[in-house]
């Protein structure tokens, strides 16, 4: 829906794992769902409980980078 397959592909590429897998360093687990009840915000990703709506592929790098920054702190 609304470009979700492109978002899925980009997360898989950046994380180097497929949906349903966990990264080798156990830092990321990537899961997909059919619905989170927020169609107006789609495509949407929920990362550590934070909703990222109307997501574009160019925003994924920033989301993942912010997680790495948080872990270092």
PDB file of N, CA and C in Angstrom:
ATOM      1  N   UNK A   1       0.826  -1.176   0.000  1.00  0.00           N
ATOM      2  CA  UNK A   1       0.000   0.000   0.000  1.00  0.00           C
ATOM      3  C   UNK A   1       0.878   1.250   0.000  1.00  0.00           C
ATOM      4  N   UNK A   2       0.617   2.154  -0.902  1.00  0.00           N
ATOM      5  CA  UNK A   2       1.294   3.443  -0.954  1.00  0.00           C
ATOM      6  C   UNK A   2       2.818   3.355  -0.965  1.00  0.00           C
ATOM      7  N   UNK A   3       3.362   2.384  -1.654  1.00  0.00           N
ATOM      8  CA  UNK A   3       4.813   2.272  -1.753  1.00  0.00           C
ATOM      9  C   UNK A   3       5.454   1.401  -0.692  1.00  0.00           C
ATOM     10  N   UNK A   4       4.660   0.682   0.071  1.00  0.00           N
ATOM     11  CA  UNK A   4       5.200  -0.172   1.131  1.00  0.00           C
ATOM     12  C   UNK A   4       6.222  -1.186   0.619  1.00  0.00           C
ATOM     13  N   UNK A   5       6.045  -1.798  -0.555  1.00  0.00           N
ATOM     14  CA  UNK A   5       7.064  -2.743  -1.027  1.00  0.00           C
ATOM     15  C   UNK A   5       8.447  -2.097  -1.190  1.00  0.00           C
ATOM     16  N   UNK A   6       8.496  -0.846  -1.622  1.00  0.00           N
ATOM     17  CA  UNK A   6       9.788  -0.147  -1.750  1.00  0.00           C
ATOM     18  C   UNK A   6      10.413   0.083  -0.378  1.00  0.00           C
ATOM     19  N   UNK A   7       9.578   0.409   0.616  1.00  0.00           N
ATOM     20  CA  UNK A   7      10.058   0.618   1.980  1.00  0.00           C
ATOM     21  C   UNK A   7      10.606  -0.697   2.529  1.00  0.00           C
ATOM     22  N   UNK A   8       9.878  -1.768   2.334  1.00  0.00           N
ATOM     23  CA  UNK A   8      10.310  -3.090   2.769  1.00  0.00           C
ATOM     24  C   UNK A   8      11.668  -3.430   2.154  1.00  0.00           C
ATOM     25  N   UNK A   9      11.790  -3.261   0.851  1.00  0.00           N
ATOM     26  CA  UNK A   9      13.047  -3.556   0.160  1.00  0.00           C
ATOM     27  C   UNK A   9      14.204  -2.725   0.712  1.00  0.00           C
ATOM     28  N   UNK A  10      13.951  -1.460   0.993  1.00  0.00           N
ATOM     29  CA  UNK A  10      15.012  -0.573   1.480  1.00  0.00           C
ATOM     30  C   UNK A  10      15.466  -0.963   2.884  1.00  0.00           C
ATOM     31  N   UNK A  11      14.531  -1.302   3.761  1.00  0.00           N
ATOM     32  CA  UNK A  11      14.920  -1.769   5.095  1.00  0.00           C
ATOM     33  C   UNK A  11      15.733  -3.058   4.989  1.00  0.00           C
ATOM     34  N   UNK A  12      15.294  -3.979   4.159  1.00  0.00           N
ATOM     35  CA  UNK A  12      16.025  -5.236   4.001  1.00  0.00           C
ATOM     36  C   UNK A  12      17.440  -4.982   3.475  1.00  0.00           C
ATOM     37  N   UNK A  13      17.553  -4.086   2.536  1.00  0.00           N
ATOM     38  CA  UNK A  13      18.865  -3.773   1.958  1.00  0.00           C
ATOM     39  C   UNK A  13      19.769  -3.128   3.004  1.00  0.00           C
ATOM     40  N   UNK A  14      19.252  -2.163   3.719  1.00  0.00           N
ATOM     41  CA  UNK A  14      20.070  -1.434   4.705  1.00  0.00           C
ATOM     42  C   UNK A  14      20.432  -2.288   5.917  1.00  0.00           C
ATOM     43  N   UNK A  15      19.516  -3.148   6.325  1.00  0.00           N
ATOM     44  CA  UNK A  15      19.777  -3.993   7.489  1.00  0.00           C
ATOM     45  C   UNK A  15      20.495  -5.287   7.118  1.00  0.00           C
ATOM     46  N   UNK A  16      20.511  -5.612   5.840  1.00  0.00           N
ATOM     47  CA  UNK A  16      21.102  -6.835   5.318  1.00  0.00           C
ATOM     48  C   UNK A  16      20.448  -8.079   5.927  1.00  0.00           C
ATOM     49  N   UNK A  17      19.137  -7.987   6.130  1.00  0.00           N
ATOM     50  CA  UNK A  17      18.331  -9.123   6.579  1.00  0.00           C
ATOM     51  C   UNK A  17      16.989  -9.048   5.870  1.00  0.00           C
ATOM     52  N   UNK A  18      16.279 -10.154   5.884  1.00  0.00           N
ATOM     53  CA  UNK A  18      14.941 -10.183   5.306  1.00  0.00           C
ATOM     54  C   UNK A  18      13.906 -10.109   6.419  1.00  0.00           C
ATOM     55  N   UNK A  19      12.681  -9.781   6.041  1.00  0.00           N
ATOM     56  CA  UNK A  19      11.589  -9.743   7.011  1.00  0.00           C
ATOM     57  C   UNK A  19      11.514 -11.073   7.748  1.00  0.00           C
ATOM     58  N   UNK A  20      11.352 -10.995   9.067  1.00  0.00           N
ATOM     59  CA  UNK A  20      11.293 -12.182   9.894  1.00  0.00           C
ATOM     60  C   UNK A  20      12.642 -12.605  10.453  1.00  0.00           C
ATOM     61  N   UNK A  21      13.701 -11.882  10.100  1.00  0.00           N
ATOM     62  CA  UNK A  21      15.039 -12.228  10.560  1.00  0.00           C
ATOM     63  C   UNK A  21      15.569 -11.211  11.563  1.00  0.00           C
ATOM     64  N   UNK A  22      16.625 -11.622  12.257  1.00  0.00           N
ATOM     65  CA  UNK A  22      17.349 -10.759  13.185  1.00  0.00           C
ATOM     66  C   UNK A  22      18.774 -10.613  12.664  1.00  0.00           C
ATOM     67  N   UNK A  23      19.326  -9.410  12.787  1.00  0.00           N
ATOM     68  CA  UNK A  23      20.691  -9.175  12.315  1.00  0.00           C
ATOM     69  C   UNK A  23      21.687 -10.002  13.122  1.00  0.00           C
ATOM     70  N   UNK A  24      22.839 -10.263  12.532  1.00  0.00           N
ATOM     71  CA  UNK A  24      23.861 -11.097  13.170  1.00  0.00           C
ATOM     72  C   UNK A  24      24.300 -10.538  14.516  1.00  0.00           C
ATOM     73  N   UNK A  25      24.287  -9.217  14.665  1.00  0.00           N
ATOM     74  CA  UNK A  25      24.696  -8.598  15.934  1.00  0.00           C
ATOM     75  C   UNK A  25      23.534  -8.476  16.930  1.00  0.00           C
ATOM     76  N   UNK A  26      22.385  -9.018  16.564  1.00  0.00           N
ATOM     77  CA  UNK A  26      21.165  -8.979  17.397  1.00  0.00           C
ATOM     78  C   UNK A  26      20.659  -7.566  17.677  1.00  0.00           C
ATOM     79  N   UNK A  27      21.098  -6.598  16.898  1.00  0.00           N
ATOM     80  CA  UNK A  27      20.657  -5.217  17.106  1.00  0.00           C
ATOM     81  C   UNK A  27      19.282  -4.965  16.487  1.00  0.00           C
ATOM     82  N   UNK A  28      18.975  -5.656  15.391  1.00  0.00           N
ATOM     83  CA  UNK A  28      17.725  -5.409  14.678  1.00  0.00           C
ATOM     84  C   UNK A  28      16.971  -6.707  14.425  1.00  0.00           C
ATOM     85  N   UNK A  29      15.669  -6.661  14.660  1.00  0.00           N
ATOM     86  CA  UNK A  29      14.758  -7.697  14.204  1.00  0.00           C
ATOM     87  C   UNK A  29      13.752  -6.988  13.315  1.00  0.00           C
ATOM     88  N   UNK A  30      13.542  -7.538  12.137  1.00  0.00           N
ATOM     89  CA  UNK A  30      12.689  -6.890  11.151  1.00  0.00           C
ATOM     90  C   UNK A  30      11.447  -7.740  10.926  1.00  0.00           C
ATOM     91  N   UNK A  31      10.296  -7.193  11.264  1.00  0.00           N
ATOM     92  CA  UNK A  31       9.027  -7.901  11.109  1.00  0.00           C
ATOM     93  C   UNK A  31       8.079  -7.055  10.272  1.00  0.00           C
ATOM     94  N   UNK A  32       7.172  -7.732   9.591  1.00  0.00           N
ATOM     95  CA  UNK A  32       6.129  -7.034   8.843  1.00  0.00           C
ATOM     96  C   UNK A  32       4.767  -7.443   9.384  1.00  0.00           C
ATOM     97  N   UNK A  33       3.818  -6.541   9.228  1.00  0.00           N
ATOM     98  CA  UNK A  33       2.429  -6.808   9.596  1.00  0.00           C
ATOM     99  C   UNK A  33       1.547  -6.279   8.475  1.00  0.00           C
ATOM    100  N   UNK A  34       0.324  -6.770   8.420  1.00  0.00           N
ATOM    101  CA  UNK A  34      -0.602  -6.313   7.387  1.00  0.00           C
ATOM    102  C   UNK A  34      -1.263  -4.994   7.746  1.00  0.00           C
ATOM    103  N   UNK A  35      -1.448  -4.736   9.046  1.00  0.00           N
ATOM    104  CA  UNK A  35      -2.178  -3.534   9.434  1.00  0.00           C
ATOM    105  C   UNK A  35      -1.766  -3.092  10.833  1.00  0.00           C
ATOM    106  N   UNK A  36      -1.577  -1.784  10.989  1.00  0.00           N
ATOM    107  CA  UNK A  36      -1.362  -1.209  12.322  1.00  0.00           C
ATOM    108  C   UNK A  36      -2.469  -0.207  12.660  1.00  0.00           C
ATOM    109  N   UNK A  37      -3.487  -0.157  11.800  1.00  0.00           N
ATOM    110  CA  UNK A  37      -4.625   0.716  12.056  1.00  0.00           C
ATOM    111  C   UNK A  37      -4.345   2.186  11.813  1.00  0.00           C
ATOM    112  N   UNK A  38      -3.424   2.470  10.894  1.00  0.00           N
ATOM    113  CA  UNK A  38      -3.075   3.863  10.615  1.00  0.00           C
ATOM    114  C   UNK A  38      -2.922   4.075   9.108  1.00  0.00           C
ATOM    115  N   UNK A  39      -3.937   3.696   8.366  1.00  0.00           N
ATOM    116  CA  UNK A  39      -3.870   3.760   6.899  1.00  0.00           C
ATOM    117  C   UNK A  39      -3.528   5.149   6.373  1.00  0.00           C
ATOM    118  N   UNK A  40      -4.025   6.169   7.010  1.00  0.00           N
ATOM    119  CA  UNK A  40      -3.777   7.531   6.543  1.00  0.00           C
ATOM    120  C   UNK A  40      -2.302   7.904   6.628  1.00  0.00           C
ATOM    121  N   UNK A  41      -1.545   7.193   7.459  1.00  0.00           N
ATOM    122  CA  UNK A  41      -0.121   7.487   7.618  1.00  0.00           C
ATOM    123  C   UNK A  41       0.765   6.590   6.758  1.00  0.00           C
ATOM    124  N   UNK A  42       0.169   5.660   6.000  1.00  0.00           N
ATOM    125  CA  UNK A  42       0.933   4.682   5.250  1.00  0.00           C
ATOM    126  C   UNK A  42       1.735   5.265   4.116  1.00  0.00           C
ATOM    127  N   UNK A  43       2.836   4.634   3.760  1.00  0.00           N
ATOM    128  CA  UNK A  43       3.424   3.501   4.464  1.00  0.00           C
ATOM    129  C   UNK A  43       4.024   3.950   5.796  1.00  0.00           C
ATOM    130  N   UNK A  44       4.004   3.040   6.747  1.00  0.00           N
ATOM    131  CA  UNK A  44       4.419   3.384   8.103  1.00  0.00           C
ATOM    132  C   UNK A  44       5.381   2.327   8.637  1.00  0.00           C
ATOM    133  N   UNK A  45       6.331   2.770   9.425  1.00  0.00           N
ATOM    134  CA  UNK A  45       7.240   1.855  10.117  1.00  0.00           C
ATOM    135  C   UNK A  45       7.200   2.221  11.594  1.00  0.00           C
ATOM    136  N   UNK A  46       7.223   1.217  12.427  1.00  0.00           N
ATOM    137  CA  UNK A  46       7.278   1.431  13.871  1.00  0.00           C
ATOM    138  C   UNK A  46       8.645   0.946  14.325  1.00  0.00           C
ATOM    139  N   UNK A  47       9.432   1.865  14.832  1.00  0.00           N
ATOM    140  CA  UNK A  47      10.797   1.562  15.239  1.00  0.00           C
ATOM    141  C   UNK A  47      10.936   1.905  16.707  1.00  0.00           C
ATOM    142  N   UNK A  48      11.170   0.895  17.522  1.00  0.00           N
ATOM    143  CA  UNK A  48      11.260   1.078  18.980  1.00  0.00           C
ATOM    144  C   UNK A  48      10.057   1.843  19.528  1.00  0.00           C
ATOM    145  N   UNK A  49       8.866   1.532  19.008  1.00  0.00           N
ATOM    146  CA  UNK A  49       7.637   2.137  19.490  1.00  0.00           C
ATOM    147  C   UNK A  49       7.321   3.498  18.901  1.00  0.00           C
ATOM    148  N   UNK A  50       8.208   4.026  18.079  1.00  0.00           N
ATOM    149  CA  UNK A  50       7.987   5.331  17.447  1.00  0.00           C
ATOM    150  C   UNK A  50       7.459   5.136  16.030  1.00  0.00           C
ATOM    151  N   UNK A  51       6.350   5.793  15.725  1.00  0.00           N
ATOM    152  CA  UNK A  51       5.720   5.678  14.413  1.00  0.00           C
ATOM    153  C   UNK A  51       6.369   6.660  13.432  1.00  0.00           C
ATOM    154  N   UNK A  52       6.695   6.152  12.260  1.00  0.00           N
ATOM    155  CA  UNK A  52       7.250   6.965  11.169  1.00  0.00           C
ATOM    156  C   UNK A  52       6.291   6.821   9.998  1.00  0.00           C
ATOM    157  N   UNK A  53       5.401   7.793   9.850  1.00  0.00           N
ATOM    158  CA  UNK A  53       4.365   7.722   8.840  1.00  0.00           C
ATOM    159  C   UNK A  53       4.725   8.427   7.560  1.00  0.00           C
ATOM    160  N   UNK A  54       3.979   8.097   6.516  1.00  0.00           N
ATOM    161  CA  UNK A  54       4.178   8.632   5.171  1.00  0.00           C
ATOM    162  C   UNK A  54       5.655   8.523   4.797  1.00  0.00           C
ATOM    163  N   UNK A  55       6.189   7.363   5.083  1.00  0.00           N
ATOM    164  CA  UNK A  55       7.615   7.087   4.958  1.00  0.00           C
ATOM    165  C   UNK A  55       8.063   7.030   3.507  1.00  0.00           C
ATOM    166  N   UNK A  56       9.208   7.612   3.265  1.00  0.00           N
ATOM    167  CA  UNK A  56       9.863   7.568   1.957  1.00  0.00           C
ATOM    168  C   UNK A  56      11.187   6.827   2.129  1.00  0.00           C
ATOM    169  N   UNK A  57      11.661   6.198   1.072  1.00  0.00           N
ATOM    170  CA  UNK A  57      12.892   5.411   1.172  1.00  0.00           C
ATOM    171  C   UNK A  57      14.082   6.258   1.630  1.00  0.00           C
ATOM    172  N   UNK A  58      14.114   7.529   1.243  1.00  0.00           N
ATOM    173  CA  UNK A  58      15.251   8.366   1.629  1.00  0.00           C
ATOM    174  C   UNK A  58      15.252   8.731   3.119  1.00  0.00           C
ATOM    175  N   UNK A  59      14.203   8.407   3.861  1.00  0.00           N
ATOM    176  CA  UNK A  59      14.150   8.675   5.291  1.00  0.00           C
ATOM    177  C   UNK A  59      14.687   7.513   6.124  1.00  0.00           C
ATOM    178  N   UNK A  60      14.815   6.363   5.532  1.00  0.00           N
ATOM    179  CA  UNK A  60      15.202   5.162   6.278  1.00  0.00           C
ATOM    180  C   UNK A  60      16.616   5.277   6.831  1.00  0.00           C
ATOM    181  N   UNK A  61      17.529   5.812   6.052  1.00  0.00           N
ATOM    182  CA  UNK A  61      18.907   5.969   6.535  1.00  0.00           C
ATOM    183  C   UNK A  61      18.941   6.825   7.804  1.00  0.00           C
ATOM    184  N   UNK A  62      18.184   7.898   7.825  1.00  0.00           N
ATOM    185  CA  UNK A  62      18.151   8.774   8.998  1.00  0.00           C
ATOM    186  C   UNK A  62      17.590   8.031  10.215  1.00  0.00           C
ATOM    187  N   UNK A  63      16.545   7.259  10.025  1.00  0.00           N
ATOM    188  CA  UNK A  63      15.947   6.496  11.128  1.00  0.00           C
ATOM    189  C   UNK A  63      16.962   5.519  11.705  1.00  0.00           C
ATOM    190  N   UNK A  64      17.630   4.774  10.842  1.00  0.00           N
ATOM    191  CA  UNK A  64      18.601   3.785  11.310  1.00  0.00           C
ATOM    192  C   UNK A  64      19.824   4.457  11.927  1.00  0.00           C
ATOM    193  N   UNK A  65      20.248   5.572  11.371  1.00  0.00           N
ATOM    194  CA  UNK A  65      21.387   6.306  11.942  1.00  0.00           C
ATOM    195  C   UNK A  65      21.070   6.823  13.334  1.00  0.00           C
ATOM    196  N   UNK A  66      19.837   7.268  13.543  1.00  0.00           N
ATOM    197  CA  UNK A  66      19.468   7.779  14.865  1.00  0.00           C
ATOM    198  C   UNK A  66      19.486   6.654  15.900  1.00  0.00           C
ATOM    199  N   UNK A  67      19.176   5.435  15.498  1.00  0.00           N
ATOM    200  CA  UNK A  67      19.238   4.301  16.415  1.00  0.00           C
ATOM    201  C   UNK A  67      20.678   3.995  16.796  1.00  0.00           C
ATOM    202  N   UNK A  68      21.580   4.088  15.839  1.00  0.00           N
ATOM    203  CA  UNK A  68      22.994   3.850  16.135  1.00  0.00           C
ATOM    204  C   UNK A  68      23.538   4.910  17.079  1.00  0.00           C
ATOM    205  N   UNK A  69      23.107   6.161  16.882  1.00  0.00           N
ATOM    206  CA  UNK A  69      23.528   7.256  17.755  1.00  0.00           C
ATOM    207  C   UNK A  69      23.025   7.032  19.176  1.00  0.00           C
ATOM    208  N   UNK A  70      21.768   6.635  19.313  1.00  0.00           N
ATOM    209  CA  UNK A  70      21.192   6.377  20.633  1.00  0.00           C
ATOM    210  C   UNK A  70      21.948   5.273  21.352  1.00  0.00           C
ATOM    211  N   UNK A  71      22.349   4.243  20.623  1.00  0.00           N
ATOM    212  CA  UNK A  71      23.035   3.115  21.254  1.00  0.00           C
ATOM    213  C   UNK A  71      24.408   3.535  21.769  1.00  0.00           C
ATOM    214  N   UNK A  72      25.087   4.443  21.061  1.00  0.00           N
ATOM    215  CA  UNK A  72      26.405   4.895  21.487  1.00  0.00           C
ATOM    216  C   UNK A  72      26.343   5.750  22.749  1.00  0.00           C
ATOM    217  N   UNK A  73      25.207   6.403  22.968  1.00  0.00           N
ATOM    218  CA  UNK A  73      25.077   7.311  24.123  1.00  0.00           C
ATOM    219  C   UNK A  73      24.838   6.590  25.374  1.00  0.00           C
TER     220      UNK A  73
END
